[in-house]
């Protein structure tokens, strides 16, 4: 998140030096958008390796009553 501030400040300093040719500016905008899409696709969270119902413990309950998780059947894995 803190890199956004750095990026905005760097970008604000570079705005005056952008070329006057609209086609080059459009190409730069398209390349920037493409890189952002690639970045967002590479940051997807990994699939869960533990049961989401019991958080991998294999047991569910309120502390007084505890029973085996019916989703993972006590293994803690989906």
PDB file of N, CA and C in Angstrom:
ATOM      1  N   UNK A   1       0.822  -1.187   0.000  1.00  0.00           N
ATOM      2  CA  UNK A   1       0.000   0.000   0.000  1.00  0.00           C
ATOM      3  C   UNK A   1       0.868   1.254   0.000  1.00  0.00           C
ATOM      4  N   UNK A   2       2.000   1.198   0.714  1.00  0.00           N
ATOM      5  CA  UNK A   2       2.850   2.389   0.777  1.00  0.00           C
ATOM      6  C   UNK A   2       3.520   2.673  -0.553  1.00  0.00           C
ATOM      7  N   UNK A   3       3.609   1.673  -1.418  1.00  0.00           N
ATOM      8  CA  UNK A   3       4.216   1.878  -2.735  1.00  0.00           C
ATOM      9  C   UNK A   3       3.322   2.718  -3.636  1.00  0.00           C
ATOM     10  N   UNK A   4       2.037   2.753  -3.342  1.00  0.00           N
ATOM     11  CA  UNK A   4       1.120   3.561  -4.145  1.00  0.00           C
ATOM     12  C   UNK A   4       1.495   5.037  -4.028  1.00  0.00           C
ATOM     13  N   UNK A   5       1.843   5.473  -2.823  1.00  0.00           N
ATOM     14  CA  UNK A   5       2.221   6.868  -2.620  1.00  0.00           C
ATOM     15  C   UNK A   5       3.487   7.177  -3.419  1.00  0.00           C
ATOM     16  N   UNK A   6       4.453   6.260  -3.360  1.00  0.00           N
ATOM     17  CA  UNK A   6       5.698   6.461  -4.107  1.00  0.00           C
ATOM     18  C   UNK A   6       5.407   6.504  -5.602  1.00  0.00           C
ATOM     19  N   UNK A   7       4.562   5.589  -6.066  1.00  0.00           N
ATOM     20  CA  UNK A   7       4.218   5.541  -7.481  1.00  0.00           C
ATOM     21  C   UNK A   7       3.507   6.819  -7.924  1.00  0.00           C
ATOM     22  N   UNK A   8       2.586   7.298  -7.121  1.00  0.00           N
ATOM     23  CA  UNK A   8       1.841   8.509  -7.470  1.00  0.00           C
ATOM     24  C   UNK A   8       2.783   9.708  -7.529  1.00  0.00           C
ATOM     25  N   UNK A   9       3.689   9.813  -6.574  1.00  0.00           N
ATOM     26  CA  UNK A   9       4.638  10.927  -6.583  1.00  0.00           C
ATOM     27  C   UNK A   9       5.566  10.845  -7.793  1.00  0.00           C
ATOM     28  N   UNK A  10       6.026   9.643  -8.111  1.00  0.00           N
ATOM     29  CA  UNK A  10       6.896   9.483  -9.279  1.00  0.00           C
ATOM     30  C   UNK A  10       6.122   9.775 -10.558  1.00  0.00           C
ATOM     31  N   UNK A  11       4.888   9.319 -10.619  1.00  0.00           N
ATOM     32  CA  UNK A  11       4.068   9.549 -11.807  1.00  0.00           C
ATOM     33  C   UNK A  11       3.756  11.039 -11.969  1.00  0.00           C
ATOM     34  N   UNK A  12       3.502  11.717 -10.862  1.00  0.00           N
ATOM     35  CA  UNK A  12       3.198  13.148 -10.930  1.00  0.00           C
ATOM     36  C   UNK A  12       4.398  13.924 -11.451  1.00  0.00           C
ATOM     37  N   UNK A  13       5.596  13.474 -11.123  1.00  0.00           N
ATOM     38  CA  UNK A  13       6.788  14.129 -11.626  1.00  0.00           C
ATOM     39  C   UNK A  13       7.036  13.841 -13.092  1.00  0.00           C
ATOM     40  N   UNK A  14       6.484  12.730 -13.603  1.00  0.00           N
ATOM     41  CA  UNK A  14       6.724  12.340 -14.989  1.00  0.00           C
ATOM     42  C   UNK A  14       5.645  12.836 -15.947  1.00  0.00           C
ATOM     43  N   UNK A  15       4.565  13.369 -15.438  1.00  0.00           N
ATOM     44  CA  UNK A  15       3.455  13.778 -16.303  1.00  0.00           C
ATOM     45  C   UNK A  15       3.879  14.871 -17.268  1.00  0.00           C
ATOM     46  N   UNK A  16       4.680  15.805 -16.822  1.00  0.00           N
ATOM     47  CA  UNK A  16       5.087  16.905 -17.685  1.00  0.00           C
ATOM     48  C   UNK A  16       5.998  16.433 -18.812  1.00  0.00           C
ATOM     49  N   UNK A  17       6.656  15.291 -18.633  1.00  0.00           N
ATOM     50  CA  UNK A  17       7.585  14.824 -19.648  1.00  0.00           C
ATOM     51  C   UNK A  17       6.956  13.823 -20.610  1.00  0.00           C
ATOM     52  N   UNK A  18       5.651  13.585 -20.509  1.00  0.00           N
ATOM     53  CA  UNK A  18       4.999  12.671 -21.443  1.00  0.00           C
ATOM     54  C   UNK A  18       5.032  13.259 -22.848  1.00  0.00           C
ATOM     55  N   UNK A  19       5.176  12.417 -23.844  1.00  0.00           N
ATOM     56  CA  UNK A  19       5.226  12.925 -25.213  1.00  0.00           C
ATOM     57  C   UNK A  19       3.902  13.566 -25.626  1.00  0.00           C
ATOM     58  N   UNK A  20       3.986  14.501 -26.550  1.00  0.00           N
ATOM     59  CA  UNK A  20       2.791  15.200 -27.027  1.00  0.00           C
ATOM     60  C   UNK A  20       2.010  14.370 -28.035  1.00  0.00           C
ATOM     61  N   UNK A  21       2.627  13.339 -28.586  1.00  0.00           N
ATOM     62  CA  UNK A  21       1.971  12.481 -29.566  1.00  0.00           C
ATOM     63  C   UNK A  21       0.915  11.631 -28.865  1.00  0.00           C
ATOM     64  N   UNK A  22      -0.345  11.760 -29.259  1.00  0.00           N
ATOM     65  CA  UNK A  22      -1.432  11.043 -28.602  1.00  0.00           C
ATOM     66  C   UNK A  22      -1.325   9.534 -28.757  1.00  0.00           C
ATOM     67  N   UNK A  23      -0.786   9.061 -29.868  1.00  0.00           N
ATOM     68  CA  UNK A  23      -0.683   7.614 -30.058  1.00  0.00           C
ATOM     69  C   UNK A  23       0.324   7.005 -29.081  1.00  0.00           C
ATOM     70  N   UNK A  24       1.406   7.708 -28.804  1.00  0.00           N
ATOM     71  CA  UNK A  24       2.390   7.214 -27.842  1.00  0.00           C
ATOM     72  C   UNK A  24       1.797   7.228 -26.445  1.00  0.00           C
ATOM     73  N   UNK A  25       1.076   8.277 -26.111  1.00  0.00           N
ATOM     74  CA  UNK A  25       0.435   8.358 -24.807  1.00  0.00           C
ATOM     75  C   UNK A  25      -0.593   7.240 -24.644  1.00  0.00           C
ATOM     76  N   UNK A  26      -1.346   6.944 -25.682  1.00  0.00           N
ATOM     77  CA  UNK A  26      -2.329   5.862 -25.627  1.00  0.00           C
ATOM     78  C   UNK A  26      -1.630   4.518 -25.470  1.00  0.00           C
ATOM     79  N   UNK A  27      -0.495   4.324 -26.161  1.00  0.00           N
ATOM     80  CA  UNK A  27       0.272   3.086 -26.017  1.00  0.00           C
ATOM     81  C   UNK A  27       0.779   2.916 -24.586  1.00  0.00           C
ATOM     82  N   UNK A  28       1.264   4.004 -23.991  1.00  0.00           N
ATOM     83  CA  UNK A  28       1.728   3.940 -22.610  1.00  0.00           C
ATOM     84  C   UNK A  28       0.587   3.587 -21.659  1.00  0.00           C
ATOM     85  N   UNK A  29      -0.583   4.151 -21.891  1.00  0.00           N
ATOM     86  CA  UNK A  29      -1.737   3.859 -21.044  1.00  0.00           C
ATOM     87  C   UNK A  29      -2.152   2.398 -21.182  1.00  0.00           C
ATOM     88  N   UNK A  30      -2.139   1.871 -22.397  1.00  0.00           N
ATOM     89  CA  UNK A  30      -2.508   0.467 -22.619  1.00  0.00           C
ATOM     90  C   UNK A  30      -1.503  -0.474 -21.973  1.00  0.00           C
ATOM     91  N   UNK A  31      -0.233  -0.163 -22.103  1.00  0.00           N
ATOM     92  CA  UNK A  31       0.803  -1.010 -21.502  1.00  0.00           C
ATOM     93  C   UNK A  31       0.698  -0.990 -19.977  1.00  0.00           C
ATOM     94  N   UNK A  32       0.420   0.167 -19.417  1.00  0.00           N
ATOM     95  CA  UNK A  32       0.263   0.260 -17.966  1.00  0.00           C
ATOM     96  C   UNK A  32      -0.933  -0.557 -17.502  1.00  0.00           C
ATOM     97  N   UNK A  33      -2.043  -0.468 -18.211  1.00  0.00           N
ATOM     98  CA  UNK A  33      -3.234  -1.243 -17.850  1.00  0.00           C
ATOM     99  C   UNK A  33      -2.968  -2.734 -17.979  1.00  0.00           C
ATOM    100  N   UNK A  34      -2.239  -3.138 -19.023  1.00  0.00           N
ATOM    101  CA  UNK A  34      -1.939  -4.559 -19.212  1.00  0.00           C
ATOM    102  C   UNK A  34      -1.066  -5.083 -18.079  1.00  0.00           C
ATOM    103  N   UNK A  35      -0.075  -4.312 -17.670  1.00  0.00           N
ATOM    104  CA  UNK A  35       0.794  -4.725 -16.577  1.00  0.00           C
ATOM    105  C   UNK A  35       0.021  -4.825 -15.255  1.00  0.00           C
ATOM    106  N   UNK A  36      -0.911  -3.915 -15.026  1.00  0.00           N
ATOM    107  CA  UNK A  36      -1.719  -3.986 -13.806  1.00  0.00           C
ATOM    108  C   UNK A  36      -2.602  -5.222 -13.791  1.00  0.00           C
ATOM    109  N   UNK A  37      -3.166  -5.586 -14.934  1.00  0.00           N
ATOM    110  CA  UNK A  37      -3.998  -6.796 -15.010  1.00  0.00           C
ATOM    111  C   UNK A  37      -3.142  -8.026 -14.746  1.00  0.00           C
ATOM    112  N   UNK A  38      -1.941  -8.077 -15.323  1.00  0.00           N
ATOM    113  CA  UNK A  38      -1.053  -9.208 -15.084  1.00  0.00           C
ATOM    114  C   UNK A  38      -0.670  -9.297 -13.616  1.00  0.00           C
ATOM    115  N   UNK A  39      -0.423  -8.150 -12.989  1.00  0.00           N
ATOM    116  CA  UNK A  39      -0.064  -8.123 -11.580  1.00  0.00           C
ATOM    117  C   UNK A  39      -1.208  -8.632 -10.718  1.00  0.00           C
ATOM    118  N   UNK A  40      -2.420  -8.200 -11.000  1.00  0.00           N
ATOM    119  CA  UNK A  40      -3.575  -8.644 -10.210  1.00  0.00           C
ATOM    120  C   UNK A  40      -3.809 -10.140 -10.358  1.00  0.00           C
ATOM    121  N   UNK A  41      -3.567 -10.690 -11.540  1.00  0.00           N
ATOM    122  CA  UNK A  41      -3.778 -12.115 -11.748  1.00  0.00           C
ATOM    123  C   UNK A  41      -2.718 -12.948 -11.038  1.00  0.00           C
ATOM    124  N   UNK A  42      -1.535 -12.408 -10.832  1.00  0.00           N
ATOM    125  CA  UNK A  42      -0.473 -13.176 -10.195  1.00  0.00           C
ATOM    126  C   UNK A  42      -0.562 -13.128  -8.671  1.00  0.00           C
ATOM    127  N   UNK A  43      -1.421 -12.279  -8.103  1.00  0.00           N
ATOM    128  CA  UNK A  43      -1.511 -12.129  -6.653  1.00  0.00           C
ATOM    129  C   UNK A  43      -2.706 -12.894  -6.074  1.00  0.00           C
ATOM    130  N   UNK A  44      -3.291 -13.768  -6.818  1.00  0.00           N
ATOM    131  CA  UNK A  44      -4.446 -14.506  -6.293  1.00  0.00           C
ATOM    132  C   UNK A  44      -4.031 -15.370  -5.109  1.00  0.00           C
ATOM    133  N   UNK A  45      -4.877 -15.461  -4.096  1.00  0.00           N
ATOM    134  CA  UNK A  45      -4.527 -16.264  -2.932  1.00  0.00           C
ATOM    135  C   UNK A  45      -4.486 -17.753  -3.273  1.00  0.00           C
ATOM    136  N   UNK A  46      -3.610 -18.457  -2.591  1.00  0.00           N
ATOM    137  CA  UNK A  46      -3.491 -19.897  -2.799  1.00  0.00           C
ATOM    138  C   UNK A  46      -4.728 -20.592  -2.249  1.00  0.00           C
ATOM    139  N   UNK A  47      -5.122 -21.710  -2.833  1.00  0.00           N
ATOM    140  CA  UNK A  47      -6.280 -22.420  -2.313  1.00  0.00           C
ATOM    141  C   UNK A  47      -6.014 -22.912  -0.886  1.00  0.00           C
ATOM    142  N   UNK A  48      -7.066 -22.987  -0.121  1.00  0.00           N
ATOM    143  CA  UNK A  48      -6.950 -23.393   1.278  1.00  0.00           C
ATOM    144  C   UNK A  48      -6.482 -24.836   1.377  1.00  0.00           C
ATOM    145  N   UNK A  49      -5.491 -25.070   2.252  1.00  0.00           N
ATOM    146  CA  UNK A  49      -4.992 -26.423   2.459  1.00  0.00           C
ATOM    147  C   UNK A  49      -5.495 -26.992   3.773  1.00  0.00           C
ATOM    148  N   UNK A  50      -6.347 -26.217   4.440  1.00  0.00           N
ATOM    149  CA  UNK A  50      -6.961 -26.690   5.665  1.00  0.00           C
ATOM    150  C   UNK A  50      -8.476 -26.539   5.534  1.00  0.00           C
ATOM    151  N   UNK A  51      -9.177 -27.291   6.294  1.00  0.00           N
ATOM    152  CA  UNK A  51     -10.636 -27.244   6.279  1.00  0.00           C
ATOM    153  C   UNK A  51     -11.102 -25.876   6.769  1.00  0.00           C
ATOM    154  N   UNK A  52     -11.988 -25.244   6.004  1.00  0.00           N
ATOM    155  CA  UNK A  52     -12.470 -23.925   6.397  1.00  0.00           C
ATOM    156  C   UNK A  52     -13.541 -24.000   7.481  1.00  0.00           C
ATOM    157  N   UNK A  53     -14.119 -25.152   7.667  1.00  0.00           N
ATOM    158  CA  UNK A  53     -15.162 -25.304   8.684  1.00  0.00           C
ATOM    159  C   UNK A  53     -14.556 -25.352  10.088  1.00  0.00           C
ATOM    160  N   UNK A  54     -13.422 -26.049  10.241  1.00  0.00           N
ATOM    161  CA  UNK A  54     -12.818 -26.217  11.565  1.00  0.00           C
ATOM    162  C   UNK A  54     -11.448 -25.548  11.669  1.00  0.00           C
ATOM    163  N   UNK A  55     -11.029 -24.849  10.645  1.00  0.00           N
ATOM    164  CA  UNK A  55      -9.718 -24.187  10.588  1.00  0.00           C
ATOM    165  C   UNK A  55      -8.564 -25.161  10.762  1.00  0.00           C
ATOM    166  N   UNK A  56      -8.743 -26.393  10.304  1.00  0.00           N
ATOM    167  CA  UNK A  56      -7.674 -27.380  10.318  1.00  0.00           C
ATOM    168  C   UNK A  56      -7.507 -28.131  11.611  1.00  0.00           C
ATOM    169  N   UNK A  57      -8.364 -27.895  12.588  1.00  0.00           N
ATOM    170  CA  UNK A  57      -8.218 -28.595  13.868  1.00  0.00           C
ATOM    171  C   UNK A  57      -8.871 -29.970  13.853  1.00  0.00           C
ATOM    172  N   UNK A  58      -9.861 -30.153  13.000  1.00  0.00           N
ATOM    173  CA  UNK A  58     -10.562 -31.439  12.952  1.00  0.00           C
ATOM    174  C   UNK A  58     -11.725 -31.521  13.921  1.00  0.00           C
ATOM    175  N   UNK A  59     -11.875 -30.492  14.733  1.00  0.00           N
ATOM    176  CA  UNK A  59     -12.952 -30.490  15.723  1.00  0.00           C
ATOM    177  C   UNK A  59     -13.682 -29.149  15.683  1.00  0.00           C
ATOM    178  N   UNK A  60     -14.979 -29.182  15.948  1.00  0.00           N
ATOM    179  CA  UNK A  60     -15.769 -27.970  16.029  1.00  0.00           C
ATOM    180  C   UNK A  60     -16.515 -27.980  17.349  1.00  0.00           C
ATOM    181  N   UNK A  61     -16.868 -26.807  17.812  1.00  0.00           N
ATOM    182  CA  UNK A  61     -17.615 -26.708  19.056  1.00  0.00           C
ATOM    183  C   UNK A  61     -17.411 -25.356  19.697  1.00  0.00           C
ATOM    184  N   UNK A  62     -18.035 -25.171  20.871  1.00  0.00           N
ATOM    185  CA  UNK A  62     -17.955 -23.899  21.569  1.00  0.00           C
ATOM    186  C   UNK A  62     -17.001 -23.934  22.754  1.00  0.00           C
ATOM    187  N   UNK A  63     -16.258 -25.001  22.928  1.00  0.00           N
ATOM    188  CA  UNK A  63     -15.335 -25.118  24.051  1.00  0.00           C
ATOM    189  C   UNK A  63     -15.836 -26.098  25.092  1.00  0.00           C
ATOM    190  N   UNK A  64     -17.133 -26.100  25.322  1.00  0.00           N
ATOM    191  CA  UNK A  64     -17.712 -27.049  26.260  1.00  0.00           C
ATOM    192  C   UNK A  64     -18.144 -28.310  25.531  1.00  0.00           C
ATOM    193  N   UNK A  65     -18.754 -28.126  24.378  1.00  0.00           N
ATOM    194  CA  UNK A  65     -19.184 -29.245  23.561  1.00  0.00           C
ATOM    195  C   UNK A  65     -18.296 -29.270  22.319  1.00  0.00           C
ATOM    196  N   UNK A  66     -17.557 -30.368  22.151  1.00  0.00           N
ATOM    197  CA  UNK A  66     -16.645 -30.487  21.015  1.00  0.00           C
ATOM    198  C   UNK A  66     -16.972 -31.784  20.293  1.00  0.00           C
ATOM    199  N   UNK A  67     -17.014 -31.675  18.947  1.00  0.00           N
ATOM    200  CA  UNK A  67     -17.280 -32.871  18.151  1.00  0.00           C
ATOM    201  C   UNK A  67     -16.401 -32.859  16.906  1.00  0.00           C
ATOM    202  N   UNK A  68     -16.305 -34.010  16.250  1.00  0.00           N
ATOM    203  CA  UNK A  68     -15.510 -34.130  15.032  1.00  0.00           C
ATOM    204  C   UNK A  68     -16.165 -33.339  13.911  1.00  0.00           C
ATOM    205  N   UNK A  69     -15.342 -32.665  13.126  1.00  0.00           N
ATOM    206  CA  UNK A  69     -15.844 -31.857  12.019  1.00  0.00           C
ATOM    207  C   UNK A  69     -16.488 -32.765  10.972  1.00  0.00           C
ATOM    208  N   UNK A  70     -17.744 -32.499  10.595  1.00  0.00           N
ATOM    209  CA  UNK A  70     -18.410 -33.345   9.604  1.00  0.00           C
ATOM    210  C   UNK A  70     -17.918 -33.110   8.167  1.00  0.00           C
ATOM    211  N   UNK A  71     -17.296 -31.961   7.912  1.00  0.00           N
ATOM    212  CA  UNK A  71     -16.839 -31.653   6.563  1.00  0.00           C
ATOM    213  C   UNK A  71     -15.571 -32.438   6.223  1.00  0.00           C
ATOM    214  N   UNK A  72     -14.585 -32.393   7.128  1.00  0.00           N
ATOM    215  CA  UNK A  72     -13.303 -33.070   6.853  1.00  0.00           C
ATOM    216  C   UNK A  72     -13.185 -34.409   7.586  1.00  0.00           C
ATOM    217  N   UNK A  73     -14.174 -34.756   8.364  1.00  0.00           N
ATOM    218  CA  UNK A  73     -14.213 -35.990   9.141  1.00  0.00           C
ATOM    219  C   UNK A  73     -13.016 -36.119  10.078  1.00  0.00           C
ATOM    220  N   UNK A  74     -12.590 -34.971  10.641  1.00  0.00           N
ATOM    221  CA  UNK A  74     -11.540 -34.964  11.648  1.00  0.00           C
ATOM    222  C   UNK A  74     -10.122 -34.879  11.118  1.00  0.00           C
ATOM    223  N   UNK A  75      -9.929 -34.834   9.806  1.00  0.00           N
ATOM    224  CA  UNK A  75      -8.573 -34.777   9.257  1.00  0.00           C
ATOM    225  C   UNK A  75      -8.001 -33.366   9.251  1.00  0.00           C
ATOM    226  N   UNK A  76      -8.846 -32.367   9.181  1.00  0.00           N
ATOM    227  CA  UNK A  76      -8.388 -30.981   9.125  1.00  0.00           C
ATOM    228  C   UNK A  76      -8.075 -30.520   7.716  1.00  0.00           C
ATOM    229  N   UNK A  77      -8.224 -31.403   6.735  1.00  0.00           N
ATOM    230  CA  UNK A  77      -7.958 -31.062   5.329  1.00  0.00           C
ATOM    231  C   UNK A  77      -9.224 -31.170   4.529  1.00  0.00           C
ATOM    232  N   UNK A  78      -9.402 -30.303   3.536  1.00  0.00           N
ATOM    233  CA  UNK A  78     -10.653 -30.339   2.757  1.00  0.00           C
ATOM    234  C   UNK A  78     -10.786 -31.604   1.910  1.00  0.00           C
TER     235      UNK A  78
END
